[in-house]
């Protein structure tokens, strides 16, 4: 599972809160240590072609 979390304090706090939630911790990907935090700036497609849906 890939999770995008911005670097600002509010986003980080929200992610920490999520990580403590029992429902989150019960997900198979979480239990299997298969959650990967990625940088949204690298994953958001903001180039002209992606924005046009080409």
N, C-alpha and C. Protein backbone atom coordinates (compact mmCIF):
# COMPACT_ATOMS: atom_id res chain seq x y z
N UNK A 1 0.85 -1.15 0.00
CA UNK A 1 0.00 0.00 0.00
C UNK A 1 0.91 1.23 0.00
N UNK A 2 0.54 2.21 -0.81
CA UNK A 2 1.28 3.47 -0.85
C UNK A 2 0.45 4.56 -0.19
N UNK A 3 1.08 5.32 0.67
CA UNK A 3 0.40 6.40 1.39
C UNK A 3 1.17 7.70 1.14
N UNK A 4 0.46 8.70 0.65
CA UNK A 4 1.09 10.01 0.44
C UNK A 4 0.82 10.89 1.64
N UNK A 5 1.88 11.43 2.21
CA UNK A 5 1.76 12.30 3.37
C UNK A 5 2.63 13.53 3.11
N UNK A 6 2.01 14.69 3.13
CA UNK A 6 2.77 15.93 2.96
C UNK A 6 3.63 16.16 4.19
N UNK A 7 4.63 17.02 4.07
CA UNK A 7 5.58 17.27 5.15
C UNK A 7 5.10 18.25 6.22
N UNK A 8 3.94 18.87 6.00
CA UNK A 8 3.49 19.85 6.99
C UNK A 8 3.01 19.16 8.26
N UNK A 9 3.02 19.90 9.35
CA UNK A 9 2.72 19.33 10.67
C UNK A 9 1.32 18.72 10.75
N UNK A 10 0.34 19.37 10.14
CA UNK A 10 -1.03 18.86 10.20
C UNK A 10 -1.14 17.50 9.49
N UNK A 11 -0.52 17.37 8.34
CA UNK A 11 -0.55 16.10 7.60
C UNK A 11 0.17 15.00 8.38
N UNK A 12 1.31 15.33 8.93
CA UNK A 12 2.07 14.35 9.71
C UNK A 12 1.29 13.92 10.95
N UNK A 13 0.65 14.86 11.60
CA UNK A 13 -0.16 14.55 12.79
C UNK A 13 -1.33 13.65 12.41
N UNK A 14 -1.96 13.93 11.28
CA UNK A 14 -3.08 13.10 10.82
C UNK A 14 -2.62 11.68 10.53
N UNK A 15 -1.45 11.56 9.91
CA UNK A 15 -0.93 10.23 9.61
C UNK A 15 -0.59 9.47 10.90
N UNK A 16 -0.01 10.16 11.86
CA UNK A 16 0.29 9.51 13.14
C UNK A 16 -0.99 9.03 13.82
N UNK A 17 -2.03 9.85 13.76
CA UNK A 17 -3.32 9.48 14.36
C UNK A 17 -3.89 8.25 13.64
N UNK A 18 -3.79 8.26 12.31
CA UNK A 18 -4.27 7.12 11.53
C UNK A 18 -3.51 5.85 11.91
N UNK A 19 -2.21 5.96 12.04
CA UNK A 19 -1.37 4.81 12.34
C UNK A 19 -1.70 4.18 13.69
N UNK A 20 -2.30 4.94 14.58
CA UNK A 20 -2.68 4.43 15.90
C UNK A 20 -4.08 3.82 15.92
N UNK A 21 -4.84 4.02 14.86
CA UNK A 21 -6.23 3.55 14.81
C UNK A 21 -6.26 2.02 14.69
N UNK A 22 -7.05 1.36 15.53
CA UNK A 22 -7.13 -0.11 15.47
C UNK A 22 -7.59 -0.65 14.11
N UNK A 23 -8.48 0.06 13.44
CA UNK A 23 -8.92 -0.41 12.12
C UNK A 23 -7.77 -0.37 11.12
N UNK A 24 -6.97 0.69 11.16
CA UNK A 24 -5.80 0.80 10.29
C UNK A 24 -4.81 -0.33 10.60
N UNK A 25 -4.57 -0.52 11.88
CA UNK A 25 -3.58 -1.53 12.29
C UNK A 25 -4.02 -2.94 11.95
N UNK A 26 -5.31 -3.12 11.70
CA UNK A 26 -5.83 -4.44 11.35
C UNK A 26 -5.77 -4.74 9.85
N UNK A 27 -5.44 -3.75 9.03
CA UNK A 27 -5.34 -3.99 7.60
C UNK A 27 -4.19 -4.95 7.31
N UNK A 28 -4.41 -5.85 6.36
CA UNK A 28 -3.41 -6.85 6.03
C UNK A 28 -2.08 -6.21 5.63
N UNK A 29 -2.11 -5.16 4.82
CA UNK A 29 -0.88 -4.50 4.39
C UNK A 29 -0.12 -3.92 5.58
N UNK A 30 -0.83 -3.40 6.54
CA UNK A 30 -0.20 -2.82 7.72
C UNK A 30 0.40 -3.93 8.57
N UNK A 31 -0.37 -4.97 8.79
CA UNK A 31 0.13 -6.10 9.59
C UNK A 31 1.34 -6.76 8.95
N UNK A 32 1.41 -6.73 7.62
CA UNK A 32 2.52 -7.36 6.88
C UNK A 32 3.66 -6.38 6.62
N UNK A 33 3.57 -5.20 7.20
CA UNK A 33 4.60 -4.18 7.03
C UNK A 33 4.81 -3.84 5.55
N UNK A 34 3.69 -3.70 4.83
CA UNK A 34 3.73 -3.40 3.41
C UNK A 34 3.13 -2.03 3.10
N UNK A 35 3.26 -1.10 4.02
CA UNK A 35 2.81 0.27 3.80
C UNK A 35 4.04 1.12 3.53
N UNK A 36 4.00 1.82 2.41
CA UNK A 36 5.15 2.62 2.00
C UNK A 36 4.72 4.07 1.89
N UNK A 37 5.35 4.90 2.66
CA UNK A 37 5.07 6.33 2.64
C UNK A 37 5.85 6.96 1.50
N UNK A 38 5.15 7.66 0.62
CA UNK A 38 5.80 8.26 -0.54
C UNK A 38 5.63 9.78 -0.53
N UNK A 39 6.53 10.45 -1.21
CA UNK A 39 6.52 11.90 -1.30
C UNK A 39 5.48 12.33 -2.35
N UNK A 40 4.43 13.03 -1.95
CA UNK A 40 3.39 13.44 -2.90
C UNK A 40 3.94 14.29 -4.05
N UNK A 41 4.98 15.05 -3.80
CA UNK A 41 5.53 15.90 -4.86
C UNK A 41 6.08 15.08 -6.01
N UNK A 42 6.50 13.86 -5.72
CA UNK A 42 7.04 13.00 -6.77
C UNK A 42 5.97 12.14 -7.42
N UNK A 43 4.83 11.95 -6.74
CA UNK A 43 3.80 11.05 -7.25
C UNK A 43 2.64 11.76 -7.91
N UNK A 44 2.38 13.01 -7.54
CA UNK A 44 1.29 13.73 -8.20
C UNK A 44 1.70 14.04 -9.61
N UNK A 45 0.86 13.72 -10.54
CA UNK A 45 1.14 13.97 -11.95
C UNK A 45 0.67 15.38 -12.33
N UNK A 46 1.58 16.32 -12.30
CA UNK A 46 1.22 17.71 -12.57
C UNK A 46 1.80 18.22 -13.88
N UNK A 47 2.30 17.29 -14.70
CA UNK A 47 2.78 17.73 -16.00
C UNK A 47 1.60 17.94 -16.94
N UNK A 48 1.82 18.61 -18.04
CA UNK A 48 0.76 18.97 -18.98
C UNK A 48 0.03 17.75 -19.50
N UNK A 49 0.73 16.69 -19.84
CA UNK A 49 0.11 15.51 -20.41
C UNK A 49 -0.80 14.79 -19.41
N UNK A 50 -0.36 14.69 -18.17
CA UNK A 50 -1.17 14.03 -17.15
C UNK A 50 -2.41 14.84 -16.83
N UNK A 51 -2.27 16.16 -16.76
CA UNK A 51 -3.42 17.00 -16.46
C UNK A 51 -4.47 16.95 -17.56
N UNK A 52 -4.05 16.73 -18.79
CA UNK A 52 -4.98 16.62 -19.91
C UNK A 52 -5.57 15.24 -20.03
N UNK A 53 -5.02 14.26 -19.32
CA UNK A 53 -5.51 12.90 -19.37
C UNK A 53 -5.00 12.15 -20.59
N UNK A 54 -3.91 12.61 -21.16
CA UNK A 54 -3.35 11.96 -22.36
C UNK A 54 -2.55 10.75 -21.99
